[in-house]
N, C-alpha and C. Protein backbone atom coordinates (compact mmCIF):
# COMPACT_ATOMS: atom_id res chain seq x y z
N MET A 1 -16.04 61.97 -2.65
CA MET A 1 -15.69 60.29 -4.03
C MET A 1 -16.99 60.28 -4.43
N LEU A 2 -18.32 60.67 -3.85
CA LEU A 2 -19.56 60.73 -4.87
C LEU A 2 -19.87 61.24 -5.13
N PRO A 3 -19.14 62.85 -4.72
CA PRO A 3 -19.38 64.37 -5.95
C PRO A 3 -19.11 64.29 -6.68
N ASN A 4 -17.66 63.37 -7.05
CA ASN A 4 -16.68 63.16 -8.52
C ASN A 4 -17.81 61.95 -9.13
N LEU A 5 -18.29 60.88 -8.73
CA LEU A 5 -19.55 59.96 -9.04
C LEU A 5 -20.38 60.52 -10.34
N LYS A 6 -20.97 61.59 -9.42
CA LYS A 6 -22.48 62.37 -10.20
C LYS A 6 -22.30 63.17 -11.27
N ALA A 7 -20.70 63.35 -11.32
CA ALA A 7 -20.00 64.46 -12.14
C ALA A 7 -19.80 63.37 -13.56
N LEU A 8 -19.85 62.30 -13.45
CA LEU A 8 -19.08 61.31 -15.06
C LEU A 8 -20.38 61.52 -15.97
N SER A 9 -20.19 61.24 -16.92
CA SER A 9 -21.74 60.89 -17.68
C SER A 9 -21.70 59.46 -17.45
N LEU A 10 -23.08 59.35 -17.86
CA LEU A 10 -24.00 57.98 -18.54
C LEU A 10 -23.16 56.79 -18.59
N GLY A 11 -22.45 57.19 -19.64
CA GLY A 11 -21.03 56.34 -20.54
C GLY A 11 -20.22 55.73 -19.87
N TRP A 12 -19.92 56.53 -18.87
CA TRP A 12 -18.39 55.71 -17.59
C TRP A 12 -19.30 55.24 -16.55
N LYS A 13 -20.85 55.80 -16.01
CA LYS A 13 -21.10 54.93 -15.54
C LYS A 13 -21.49 53.29 -15.88
N ILE A 14 -21.61 53.25 -17.12
CA ILE A 14 -21.70 51.95 -17.21
C ILE A 14 -20.80 51.61 -17.40
N ALA A 15 -19.82 52.05 -18.18
CA ALA A 15 -18.51 51.24 -18.15
C ALA A 15 -17.93 50.91 -16.67
N GLY A 16 -18.28 51.40 -15.68
CA GLY A 16 -17.20 51.39 -14.05
C GLY A 16 -18.38 49.99 -13.74
N VAL A 17 -19.82 49.66 -13.72
CA VAL A 17 -20.60 48.95 -13.81
C VAL A 17 -20.60 47.19 -14.75
N VAL A 18 -19.89 47.15 -15.80
CA VAL A 18 -19.61 46.34 -16.15
C VAL A 18 -18.35 45.96 -15.67
N LEU A 19 -17.27 46.91 -15.77
CA LEU A 19 -16.50 46.31 -15.41
C LEU A 19 -16.10 45.51 -13.65
N ILE A 20 -17.31 46.23 -13.25
CA ILE A 20 -17.25 45.74 -11.55
C ILE A 20 -18.05 44.45 -11.85
N ALA A 21 -19.07 43.89 -12.71
CA ALA A 21 -19.04 42.87 -13.23
C ALA A 21 -18.38 42.03 -13.40
N ILE A 22 -17.55 42.39 -14.64
CA ILE A 22 -16.60 41.38 -15.03
C ILE A 22 -15.67 40.67 -13.65
N ALA A 23 -15.39 41.72 -12.95
CA ALA A 23 -14.47 41.59 -12.01
C ALA A 23 -15.26 40.52 -10.99
N ILE A 24 -16.47 40.81 -10.86
CA ILE A 24 -16.88 39.92 -10.18
C ILE A 24 -17.44 38.27 -10.38
N VAL A 25 -17.60 38.17 -11.88
CA VAL A 25 -17.87 37.09 -12.59
C VAL A 25 -16.46 36.28 -12.27
N ALA A 26 -15.19 36.85 -12.72
CA ALA A 26 -13.84 36.19 -12.64
C ALA A 26 -13.83 35.70 -11.48
N GLY A 27 -13.95 36.59 -10.30
CA GLY A 27 -13.81 36.14 -9.21
C GLY A 27 -14.09 34.89 -8.54
N PHE A 28 -15.70 35.12 -9.44
CA PHE A 28 -16.33 33.46 -9.04
C PHE A 28 -15.78 32.10 -9.89
N ARG A 29 -15.32 32.83 -10.87
CA ARG A 29 -15.50 31.42 -11.16
C ARG A 29 -13.71 31.18 -11.07
N SER A 30 -12.85 31.99 -10.33
CA SER A 30 -11.56 31.64 -10.03
C SER A 30 -11.94 30.68 -8.53
N CYS A 31 -12.91 30.76 -7.99
CA CYS A 31 -13.10 30.35 -6.33
C CYS A 31 -13.75 28.98 -7.65
N THR A 32 -14.30 28.88 -7.41
CA THR A 32 -14.79 27.56 -8.55
C THR A 32 -13.72 27.01 -8.97
N ALA A 33 -13.44 27.30 -9.83
CA ALA A 33 -11.89 26.41 -10.20
C ALA A 33 -10.96 25.82 -9.82
N THR A 34 -11.01 26.72 -8.50
CA THR A 34 -9.95 26.01 -7.39
C THR A 34 -10.54 25.16 -6.54
N THR A 35 -11.70 24.99 -6.42
CA THR A 35 -12.53 23.98 -5.85
C THR A 35 -12.84 23.19 -6.66
N ASN A 36 -13.04 23.22 -7.27
CA ASN A 36 -13.14 22.05 -8.72
C ASN A 36 -11.92 21.53 -8.33
N HIS A 37 -10.85 21.83 -8.76
CA HIS A 37 -9.42 21.43 -8.66
C HIS A 37 -8.96 20.25 -7.25
N ARG A 38 -9.29 21.17 -6.67
CA ARG A 38 -9.49 20.77 -5.14
C ARG A 38 -10.08 19.11 -4.67
N THR A 39 -11.69 19.20 -5.74
CA THR A 39 -12.20 18.32 -5.22
C THR A 39 -11.78 17.11 -6.17
N ASP A 40 -11.70 17.26 -7.58
CA ASP A 40 -11.08 16.05 -8.19
C ASP A 40 -9.99 15.88 -7.90
N VAL A 41 -8.66 16.54 -6.62
CA VAL A 41 -7.37 15.42 -6.77
C VAL A 41 -7.82 15.27 -5.17
N ALA A 42 -9.03 15.20 -4.45
CA ALA A 42 -9.75 14.65 -2.87
C ALA A 42 -10.26 13.65 -3.65
N ILE A 43 -10.87 13.43 -4.66
CA ILE A 43 -11.48 12.28 -4.91
C ILE A 43 -10.63 11.08 -5.58
N GLY A 44 -9.18 11.68 -6.83
CA GLY A 44 -8.68 10.98 -7.17
C GLY A 44 -7.88 10.24 -6.12
N ALA A 45 -7.58 11.12 -4.70
CA ALA A 45 -6.46 10.31 -3.71
C ALA A 45 -7.36 9.32 -2.99
N ALA A 46 -8.65 9.83 -2.57
CA ALA A 46 -9.57 8.93 -2.22
C ALA A 46 -9.54 7.05 -3.20
N LYS A 47 -9.80 7.46 -4.30
CA LYS A 47 -9.45 6.36 -5.38
C LYS A 47 -8.37 5.71 -5.58
N GLY A 48 -7.71 6.11 -5.26
CA GLY A 48 -5.75 5.44 -5.44
C GLY A 48 -6.07 4.99 -3.35
N GLU A 49 -6.37 5.32 -3.11
CA GLU A 49 -5.95 4.51 -1.43
C GLU A 49 -6.97 3.26 -1.15
N GLY A 50 -8.77 3.36 -2.03
CA GLY A 50 -9.20 2.20 -1.91
C GLY A 50 -8.90 1.29 -3.04
N ALA A 51 -7.71 1.63 -4.49
CA ALA A 51 -7.43 1.06 -5.00
C ALA A 51 -6.23 0.13 -4.03
N ALA A 52 -5.44 0.74 -3.21
CA ALA A 52 -4.33 0.03 -3.05
C ALA A 52 -5.05 -0.31 -1.64
N THR A 53 -6.21 -0.49 -1.31
CA THR A 53 -6.26 -1.59 0.29
C THR A 53 -7.22 -2.53 -0.50
N ALA A 54 -7.68 -2.23 -2.01
CA ALA A 54 -8.39 -3.51 -2.81
C ALA A 54 -7.45 -4.40 -3.06
N ALA A 55 -5.78 -4.19 -2.78
CA ALA A 55 -4.87 -4.50 -4.10
C ALA A 55 -4.34 -5.41 -2.22
N ALA A 56 -4.54 -4.49 -1.51
CA ALA A 56 -3.15 -5.18 -0.24
C ALA A 56 -4.53 -6.27 0.34
N ALA A 57 -5.93 -6.46 0.07
CA ALA A 57 -7.12 -7.23 0.14
C ALA A 57 -6.95 -8.02 -0.05
N ALA A 58 -6.92 -8.02 -1.77
CA ALA A 58 -6.37 -9.61 -2.67
C ALA A 58 -5.08 -9.96 -2.41
N ALA A 59 -3.76 -9.72 -1.73
CA ALA A 59 -2.57 -9.75 -1.66
C ALA A 59 -2.95 -10.51 -0.34
N THR A 60 -3.23 -10.43 0.77
CA THR A 60 -3.82 -11.22 1.81
C THR A 60 -4.48 -12.27 1.22
N LYS A 61 -5.56 -11.96 1.06
CA LYS A 61 -6.66 -13.30 0.50
C LYS A 61 -4.99 -14.21 -0.12
N GLY A 62 -4.53 -13.72 -0.97
CA GLY A 62 -3.54 -14.38 -1.95
C GLY A 62 -2.41 -15.71 -0.47
N LEU A 63 -2.47 -14.91 -0.27
CA LEU A 63 -1.22 -15.47 0.80
C LEU A 63 -2.06 -16.58 1.15
N GLU A 64 -3.25 -15.93 2.17
CA GLU A 64 -4.00 -16.85 2.71
C GLU A 64 -4.33 -18.39 1.91
N ASN A 65 -4.83 -18.15 0.57
CA ASN A 65 -5.02 -19.53 -0.06
C ASN A 65 -3.56 -20.69 -0.54
N VAL A 66 -2.55 -19.50 -0.41
CA VAL A 66 -1.09 -20.52 -0.35
C VAL A 66 -0.60 -21.25 0.69
N GLU A 67 -1.28 -20.38 1.95
CA GLU A 67 -1.29 -21.02 3.13
C GLU A 67 -1.79 -22.63 3.38
N LYS A 68 -3.09 -22.03 3.14
CA LYS A 68 -4.32 -23.54 2.53
C LYS A 68 -3.84 -24.18 1.63
N GLY A 69 -3.37 -24.14 0.90
CA GLY A 69 -2.57 -24.93 -0.24
C GLY A 69 -1.11 -25.36 0.23
N ASN A 70 -0.07 -25.20 1.51
CA ASN A 70 0.96 -25.86 1.72
C ASN A 70 0.15 -26.75 2.63
N ALA A 71 -0.52 -26.12 3.80
CA ALA A 71 -0.97 -27.41 4.63
C ALA A 71 -1.63 -28.83 4.29
N ALA A 72 -2.55 -28.25 3.15
CA ALA A 72 -3.16 -29.23 2.38
C ALA A 72 -1.89 -30.39 1.73
N ALA A 73 -1.03 -29.81 0.97
CA ALA A 73 0.25 -30.59 0.90
C ALA A 73 1.11 -31.26 1.57
N ALA A 74 0.65 -30.31 2.80
CA ALA A 74 1.86 -31.24 4.15
C ALA A 74 0.76 -32.53 4.36
N ALA A 75 -0.64 -32.40 4.59
CA ALA A 75 -1.34 -33.09 5.14
C ALA A 75 -1.28 -34.27 4.13
N VAL A 76 -1.55 -34.00 2.86
CA VAL A 76 -0.93 -35.24 1.64
C VAL A 76 -0.01 -36.07 2.11
N ASP A 77 1.49 -35.19 2.16
CA ASP A 77 2.84 -35.80 2.50
C ASP A 77 2.61 -36.58 3.81
N ARG A 78 2.10 -36.46 4.68
CA ARG A 78 1.79 -37.55 6.20
C ARG A 78 0.42 -38.00 5.66
N ASP A 79 0.34 -38.15 5.15
CA ASP A 79 -0.87 -39.77 4.58
C ASP A 79 -0.70 -40.12 3.88
N ALA A 80 -0.45 -41.40 4.06
CA ALA A 80 0.48 -42.65 3.34
C ALA A 80 -0.77 -43.16 1.89
N ASP A 81 -2.02 -43.19 2.25
CA ASP A 81 -2.57 -43.21 1.27
C ASP A 81 -2.95 -42.27 0.87
N ALA A 82 -3.27 -40.74 0.72
CA ALA A 82 -3.09 -39.63 0.05
C ALA A 82 -2.76 -39.65 -1.07
N ARG A 83 -0.93 -39.66 -0.49
CA ARG A 83 0.04 -39.69 -1.01
C ARG A 83 0.23 -40.90 -2.33
N ARG A 84 0.09 -42.31 -1.75
CA ARG A 84 -0.16 -42.86 -3.30
C ARG A 84 -1.51 -42.79 -4.29
N ALA A 85 -2.45 -41.97 -3.96
CA ALA A 85 -3.65 -41.87 -4.56
C ALA A 85 -3.43 -40.48 -5.49
N GLY A 86 -2.43 -39.56 -5.04
CA GLY A 86 -1.90 -38.54 -6.17
C GLY A 86 -0.70 -39.13 -6.74
N CYS A 87 0.03 -39.55 -6.56
CA CYS A 87 0.56 -40.69 -7.42
C CYS A 87 0.33 -41.32 -8.07
N LEU A 88 -0.76 -41.46 -8.30
CA LEU A 88 -1.23 -43.09 -9.23
C LEU A 88 -2.39 -41.86 -9.93
N ARG A 89 -2.64 -40.71 -9.78
CA ARG A 89 -3.22 -39.72 -10.42
C ARG A 89 -2.47 -39.00 -11.22
N HIS A 90 -0.99 -38.40 -11.05
CA HIS A 90 -0.71 -37.66 -11.41
C HIS A 90 0.55 -38.93 -12.04
N SER A 91 0.94 -39.57 -11.90
CA SER A 91 1.82 -40.46 -12.96
C SER A 91 1.68 -41.05 -13.72
N ARG A 92 2.82 -41.22 -14.97
CA ARG A 92 2.58 -42.66 -16.44
C ARG A 92 3.21 -43.37 -15.58
N THR A 93 3.61 -43.70 -15.13
CA THR A 93 4.16 -44.93 -14.72
C THR A 93 3.23 -45.21 -13.16
N LYS A 94 2.69 -46.27 -13.32
CA LYS A 94 1.41 -47.05 -12.32
C LYS A 94 2.36 -47.20 -11.55
N GLN A 95 3.42 -47.87 -11.74
CA GLN A 95 3.62 -49.12 -11.27
C GLN A 95 5.27 -48.59 -10.29
N ASN A 96 4.87 -47.17 -10.28
CA ASN A 96 6.38 -46.83 -9.74
C ASN A 96 5.69 -46.07 -8.64
N CYS A 97 4.59 -46.38 -8.62
CA CYS A 97 3.89 -45.70 -7.22
C CYS A 97 3.57 -46.27 -5.77
C-alpha cells in the first residue's frame, strides 16, 4: 500500500491529510458533546435530588411545628388560667370568658 501512496500526486496527499484531520476533529467534537450531555444530565439529576431533599426537610420541619403547636394548644386547654387568658385576648365580649 505504501508504494501506491508514493505514486499519488501532492494534491491527493494533502486532500487525504485534510480528510483525516476533519475525521479526527469530528470524532473529538462528538466525544466532547456526549460527555457534556452526560455531565449536564448528571448535574440536573443532582440538583433535582437536592431540591427533593430540601422539600422533604421543609415538610419535616413543618410537621414538627404543627406538632409543637398542637402540644401548646393542648397545654392551654388543660390549664384553666391560660384558657381564660386566651379567651380574654380573642373574645369580643369579655363577659363570656
